[in-house]
Structures are given as structure tokens and as C-alpha cells.
C-alpha atoms as a PDB file:
ATOM      1  CA  MET A   1     137.614  65.670 106.791  1.00  0.00           C
ATOM      2  CA  GLN A   2     136.107  62.384 105.927  1.00  0.00           C
ATOM      3  CA  ALA A   3     133.459  62.478 103.140  1.00  0.00           C
ATOM      4  CA  SER A   4     130.099  60.594 103.951  1.00  0.00           C
ATOM      5  CA  LYS A   5     129.741  57.301 102.434  1.00  0.00           C
ATOM      6  CA  MET A   6     126.664  56.632 100.161  1.00  0.00           C
ATOM      7  CA  LEU A   7     124.972  53.226  99.879  1.00  0.00           C
ATOM      8  CA  LEU A   8     122.798  52.820  96.736  1.00  0.00           C
ATOM      9  CA  LEU A   9     120.406  49.889  96.606  1.00  0.00           C
ATOM     10  CA  PHE A  10     118.783  48.827  93.359  1.00  0.00           C
ATOM     11  CA  SER A  11     115.816  46.702  93.702  1.00  0.00           C
ATOM     12  CA  THR A  12     113.334  45.283  91.158  1.00  0.00           C
ATOM     13  CA  SER A  13     109.659  45.899  91.189  1.00  0.00           C
ATOM     14  CA  PRO A  14     107.193  43.416  92.593  1.00  0.00           C
ATOM     15  CA  PRO A  15     106.073  40.799  90.169  1.00  0.00           C
ATOM     16  CA  HIS A  16     102.553  42.059  90.017  1.00  0.00           C
ATOM     17  CA  LEU A  17     103.714  45.538  88.909  1.00  0.00           C
ATOM     18  CA  ARG A  18     106.165  44.412  86.165  1.00  0.00           C
ATOM     19  CA  HIS A  19     104.225  44.933  83.170  1.00  0.00           C
ATOM     20  CA  HIS A  20     102.086  47.729  84.563  1.00  0.00           C
ATOM     21  CA  ARG A  21     102.625  51.397  83.689  1.00  0.00           C
ATOM     22  CA  TYR A  22     106.276  50.942  82.693  1.00  0.00           C
ATOM     23  CA  ASN A  23     107.717  51.511  79.264  1.00  0.00           C
ATOM     24  CA  CYS A  24     108.027  48.017  77.861  1.00  0.00           C
ATOM     25  CA  SER A  25     110.082  47.413  74.882  1.00  0.00           C
ATOM     26  CA  THR A  26     111.929  44.291  73.716  1.00  0.00           C
ATOM     27  CA  ALA A  27     115.042  46.539  73.027  1.00  0.00           C
ATOM     28  CA  ARG A  28     115.599  47.197  76.679  1.00  0.00           C
ATOM     29  CA  ARG A  29     114.974  43.840  78.362  1.00  0.00           C
ATOM     30  CA  PRO A  30     114.360  40.385  77.181  1.00  0.00           C
ATOM     31  CA  ASN A  31     110.891  40.244  78.826  1.00  0.00           C
ATOM     32  CA  GLY A  32     110.110  43.669  77.195  1.00  0.00           C
ATOM     33  CA  CYS A  33     109.882  45.827  80.341  1.00  0.00           C
ATOM     34  CA  SER A  34     112.280  48.332  81.837  1.00  0.00           C
ATOM     35  CA  LEU A  35     112.199  48.187  85.634  1.00  0.00           C
ATOM     36  CA  PRO A  36     112.434  51.212  87.795  1.00  0.00           C
ATOM     37  CA  LEU A  37     115.256  51.690  90.279  1.00  0.00           C
ATOM     38  CA  LYS A  38     114.804  52.308  93.931  1.00  0.00           C
ATOM     39  CA  VAL A  39     117.614  54.512  95.248  1.00  0.00           C
ATOM     40  CA  GLN A  40     118.200  54.659  98.977  1.00  0.00           C
ATOM     41  CA  ALA A  41     121.029  56.825 100.466  1.00  0.00           C
ATOM     42  CA  MET A  42     122.467  56.368 103.950  1.00  0.00           C
ATOM     43  CA  ALA A  43     124.902  58.812 105.323  1.00  0.00           C
ATOM     44  CA  GLU A  44     127.511  57.604 107.781  1.00  0.00           C
ATOM     45  CA  GLU A  45     127.474  59.612 110.992  1.00  0.00           C
ATOM     46  CA  GLN A  46     130.831  61.358 111.656  1.00  0.00           C
ATOM     47  CA  THR A  47     131.858  61.537 115.251  1.00  0.00           C
ATOM     48  CA  GLU A  48     135.080  63.413 114.519  1.00  0.00           C
ATOM     49  CA  SER A  49     136.150  65.804 111.799  1.00  0.00           C
ATOM     50  CA  GLY A  50     139.500  63.970 111.355  1.00  0.00           C
ATOM     51  CA  ASN A  51     141.610  66.879 112.707  1.00  0.00           C
ATOM     52  CA  GLY A  52     141.874  65.973 116.363  1.00  0.00           C
ATOM     53  CA  ILE A  53     144.687  68.084 117.186  1.00  0.00           C
ATOM     54  CA  ILE A  54     143.410  71.061 115.289  1.00  0.00           C
ATOM     55  CA  ASP A  55     139.989  70.684 116.878  1.00  0.00           C
ATOM     56  CA  LYS A  56     141.448  70.538 120.357  1.00  0.00           C
ATOM     57  CA  ALA A  57     143.670  73.570 119.801  1.00  0.00           C
ATOM     58  CA  ALA A  58     140.675  75.460 118.364  1.00  0.00           C
ATOM     59  CA  ILE A  59     138.618  74.516 121.509  1.00  0.00           C
ATOM     60  CA  ALA A  60     141.373  75.460 123.984  1.00  0.00           C
ATOM     61  CA  GLY A  61     142.145  78.733 122.024  1.00  0.00           C
ATOM     62  CA  GLY A  62     138.404  79.651 121.699  1.00  0.00           C
ATOM     63  CA  LEU A  63     137.656  78.898 125.355  1.00  0.00           C
ATOM     64  CA  ILE A  64     140.530  81.100 126.473  1.00  0.00           C
ATOM     65  CA  SER A  65     140.049  83.879 123.857  1.00  0.00           C
ATOM     66  CA  THR A  66     136.362  84.612 124.216  1.00  0.00           C
ATOM     67  CA  PRO A  67     136.663  85.680 127.937  1.00  0.00           C
ATOM     68  CA  VAL A  68     139.836  87.695 127.203  1.00  0.00           C
ATOM     69  CA  ILE A  69     138.027  89.495 124.391  1.00  0.00           C
ATOM     70  CA  ALA A  70     135.012  90.171 126.654  1.00  0.00           C
ATOM     71  CA  TRP A  71     137.395  91.702 129.240  1.00  0.00           C
ATOM     72  CA  SER A  72     139.230  93.690 126.521  1.00  0.00           C
ATOM     73  CA  LEU A  73     136.032  95.138 125.156  1.00  0.00           C
ATOM     74  CA  TYR A  74     134.721  95.984 128.574  1.00  0.00           C
ATOM     75  CA  THR A  75     138.000  97.767 129.208  1.00  0.00           C
ATOM     76  CA  LEU A  76     137.884  99.508 125.856  1.00  0.00           C
ATOM     77  CA  LYS A  77     134.295 100.765 126.417  1.00  0.00           C
ATOM     78  CA  THR A  78     134.925 102.052 129.929  1.00  0.00           C
ATOM     79  CA  THR A  79     138.383 103.521 129.675  1.00  0.00           C
ATOM     80  CA  GLY A  80     138.889 104.086 125.859  1.00  0.00           C
ATOM     81  CA  CYS A  81     141.873 101.896 125.975  1.00  0.00           C
ATOM     82  CA  GLY A  82     142.672  98.309 125.492  1.00  0.00           C
ATOM     83  CA  LEU A  83     143.968  95.939 128.185  1.00  0.00           C
ATOM     84  CA  PRO A  84     147.310  97.036 129.930  1.00  0.00           C
ATOM     85  CA  PRO A  85     150.428  95.531 128.724  1.00  0.00           C
ATOM     86  CA  GLY A  86     150.992  93.544 131.870  1.00  0.00           C
ATOM     87  CA  PRO A  87     154.283  92.006 133.032  1.00  0.00           C
ATOM     88  CA  GLY A  88     156.579  91.780 129.925  1.00  0.00           C
ATOM     89  CA  GLY A  89     153.641  92.713 127.695  1.00  0.00           C
ATOM     90  CA  SER A  90     152.096  89.296 128.351  1.00  0.00           C
ATOM     91  CA  ILE A  91     148.416  90.601 128.903  1.00  0.00           C
ATOM     92  CA  GLY A  92     148.505  92.779 125.790  1.00  0.00           C
ATOM     93  CA  ALA A  93     149.944  89.806 123.816  1.00  0.00           C
ATOM     94  CA  LEU A  94     147.187  87.537 125.061  1.00  0.00           C
ATOM     95  CA  GLU A  95     144.679  90.158 124.045  1.00  0.00           C
ATOM     96  CA  GLY A  96     146.090  90.327 120.454  1.00  0.00           C
ATOM     97  CA  VAL A  97     146.433  86.613 120.092  1.00  0.00           C
ATOM     98  CA  SER A  98     142.805  86.181 121.367  1.00  0.00           C
ATOM     99  CA  TYR A  99     141.563  88.638 118.681  1.00  0.00           C
ATOM    100  CA  LEU A 100     143.431  86.551 115.953  1.00  0.00           C
ATOM    101  CA  ALA A 101     142.180  83.252 117.360  1.00  0.00           C
ATOM    102  CA  VAL A 102     138.583  84.405 117.185  1.00  0.00           C
ATOM    103  CA  VAL A 103     138.876  85.732 113.711  1.00  0.00           C
ATOM    104  CA  GLY A 104     140.693  82.452 112.670  1.00  0.00           C
ATOM    105  CA  ILE A 105     137.877  80.320 114.112  1.00  0.00           C
ATOM    106  CA  VAL A 106     135.236  82.389 112.292  1.00  0.00           C
ATOM    107  CA  VAL A 107     137.199  82.184 108.979  1.00  0.00           C
ATOM    108  CA  TRP A 108     137.524  78.395 109.425  1.00  0.00           C
ATOM    109  CA  SER A 109     133.826  78.094 110.173  1.00  0.00           C
ATOM    110  CA  ALA A 110     132.930  80.138 107.052  1.00  0.00           C
ATOM    111  CA  TYR A 111     135.303  78.245 104.907  1.00  0.00           C
ATOM    112  CA  THR A 112     133.776  74.899 106.177  1.00  0.00           C
ATOM    113  CA  LYS A 113     130.226  76.292 105.714  1.00  0.00           C
ATOM    114  CA  ALA A 114     131.005  77.311 102.051  1.00  0.00           C
ATOM    115  CA  LYS A 115     132.679  73.957 101.266  1.00  0.00           C
ATOM    116  CA  THR A 116     130.353  71.523 103.051  1.00  0.00           C
ATOM    117  CA  GLY A 117     127.205  73.411 103.571  1.00  0.00           C
ATOM    118  CA  SER A 118     127.327  73.142 107.375  1.00  0.00           C
ATOM    119  CA  GLY A 119     129.581  74.747 110.010  1.00  0.00           C
ATOM    120  CA  LEU A 120     132.252  73.098 112.048  1.00  0.00           C
ATOM    121  CA  PRO A 121     131.525  69.667 113.579  1.00  0.00           C
ATOM    122  CA  ASN A 122     130.409  69.586 117.117  1.00  0.00           C
ATOM    123  CA  GLY A 123     133.738  68.110 118.471  1.00  0.00           C
ATOM    124  CA  PRO A 124     134.052  66.355 121.787  1.00  0.00           C
ATOM    125  CA  PHE A 125     131.300  67.146 124.171  1.00  0.00           C
ATOM    126  CA  GLY A 126     130.036  69.739 121.739  1.00  0.00           C
ATOM    127  CA  LEU A 127     132.792  72.078 122.584  1.00  0.00           C
ATOM    128  CA  LEU A 128     133.972  72.923 119.061  1.00  0.00           C
ATOM    129  CA  GLY A 129     130.370  73.900 118.127  1.00  0.00           C
ATOM    130  CA  ALA A 130     130.205  76.085 121.362  1.00  0.00           C
ATOM    131  CA  VAL A 131     133.433  77.675 120.533  1.00  0.00           C
ATOM    132  CA  GLU A 132     132.223  78.469 117.009  1.00  0.00           C
ATOM    133  CA  GLY A 133     129.084  80.072 118.399  1.00  0.00           C
ATOM    134  CA  LEU A 134     131.039  81.982 120.909  1.00  0.00           C
ATOM    135  CA  SER A 135     133.449  83.230 118.252  1.00  0.00           C
ATOM    136  CA  TYR A 136     130.682  84.479 116.182  1.00  0.00           C
ATOM    137  CA  LEU A 137     129.127  86.364 119.223  1.00  0.00           C
ATOM    138  CA  SER A 138     132.531  87.819 120.027  1.00  0.00           C
ATOM    139  CA  LEU A 139     133.004  89.001 116.492  1.00  0.00           C
ATOM    140  CA  LEU A 140     129.520  90.674 116.741  1.00  0.00           C
ATOM    141  CA  ALA A 141     130.446  92.219 120.049  1.00  0.00           C
ATOM    142  CA  ILE A 142     133.903  93.514 118.608  1.00  0.00           C
ATOM    143  CA  THR A 143     132.038  95.113 115.694  1.00  0.00           C
ATOM    144  CA  VAL A 144     129.467  96.862 118.090  1.00  0.00           C
ATOM    145  CA  VAL A 145     132.094  98.104 120.596  1.00  0.00           C
ATOM    146  CA  PHE A 146     134.676  99.233 117.898  1.00  0.00           C
ATOM    147  CA  GLY A 147     131.880 101.026 116.123  1.00  0.00           C
ATOM    148  CA  LEU A 148     130.821 102.784 119.333  1.00  0.00           C
ATOM    149  CA  GLN A 149     134.438 103.676 120.115  1.00  0.00           C
ATOM    150  CA  PHE A 150     135.027 105.044 116.721  1.00  0.00           C
ATOM    151  CA  ALA A 151     131.720 107.028 116.798  1.00  0.00           C
ATOM    152  CA  GLU A 152     132.536 108.486 120.343  1.00  0.00           C
ATOM    153  CA  LYS A 153     136.327 109.100 120.009  1.00  0.00           C
ATOM    154  CA  GLY A 154     136.894 109.190 116.237  1.00  0.00           C
ATOM    155  CA  SER A 155     139.463 106.547 116.327  1.00  0.00           C
ATOM    156  CA  LEU A 156     140.431 103.236 117.807  1.00  0.00           C
ATOM    157  CA  PRO A 157     143.425 102.756 120.169  1.00  0.00           C
ATOM    158  CA  GLY A 158     146.530 101.344 118.420  1.00  0.00           C
ATOM    159  CA  PRO A 159     147.885  97.792 119.038  1.00  0.00           C
ATOM    160  CA  LEU A 160     150.844  99.126 120.934  1.00  0.00           C
ATOM    161  CA  PRO A 161     150.737 100.959 124.268  1.00  0.00           C
ATOM    162  CA  SER A 162     150.812 104.773 123.710  1.00  0.00           C
ATOM    163  CA  ASP A 163     151.109 107.851 126.002  1.00  0.00           C
ATOM    164  CA  GLN A 164     147.324 108.286 125.719  1.00  0.00           C
ATOM    165  CA  CYS A 165     146.565 105.014 127.408  1.00  0.00           C
ATOM    166  CA  PHE A 166     149.548 103.625 129.206  1.00  0.00           C
ATOM    167  CA  GLY A 167     152.129 106.394 129.283  1.00  0.00           C
END
């Protein structure tokens, strides 16, 4: 990411204030007065975070992952099992990758927040910021549904199809 650029401006005080209320001593300046500094900072607005490909991959992954997780959590809550494996295990694989993508976005966001003091940049059309928010909401929903599942059944279904769910 590109760091913000700072512009510092130093100005002298107006002539009518030069010898007024300032520490004047001949050791500091020839005229005997030290002048205050006026500091002005201007931050450059960042339109992109500098990781265009990573941002776009996170947007695509997040926009696909959050509905898949919603479907998975609904299925888990109503049936007690995750999504069915699907043809060649593709739906189950999409489910697993979706959970990893959401956790990855949340970890990336937390790291960026700790490093810069703010979350992920908005990205194009504000989509990266939206994906970040959806990922946090998905993580909250995961925590709630998994907690309810554990409280009701005493365990969570395993990552691989079992006889209990898809036997």
C-alpha cells in the first residue's frame, strides 16, 4: 500500500507580531526573536490500495463466498448437516473454500486495521468495503449457527461426508 504523503509548510509570523510574546534572544536569531512554526498537513487521497489483482480476487471471492455460506448455514441449521457433496464433490468443495475465503478476508482486514488504523480500502465501486462488511457478518452468523448446532447436537458435522449426513 502506498503511504500518504505529508506536506509541511513553515511560515513566518506577521511583522506586527514578531517581537510580541515570543522568546527573543540574540543567540537564536540575529534580530533577537525566535519565530513560531506553522505546520499544515495534507494527506493525499488514495483511490486504490495498490494491490489491484488481490483486491479484485477478494471482491470476487467474497461476493461468491457469502451467499454460499448463507446457504450452508441454513442447511446446517435445518438438517444438521452441511451442503451435499454435489457432482464430483464440487458443492462441498465450494463450501469449504468459501469458509476459508471469508476467514481470510477477515484476517486481512484485522491485519490492515492493526497496521494502518483503518480497515480495507473501499476498492472499486466500494465493493471491497462491502465484501469486508459481509465477511464480518458471515463470521458472526457462523459463530451463532455453529454455537447453536453444538448446543443442540453436541457436535459439528465433519468436513467430509459421513454416513450420518450423506450415507
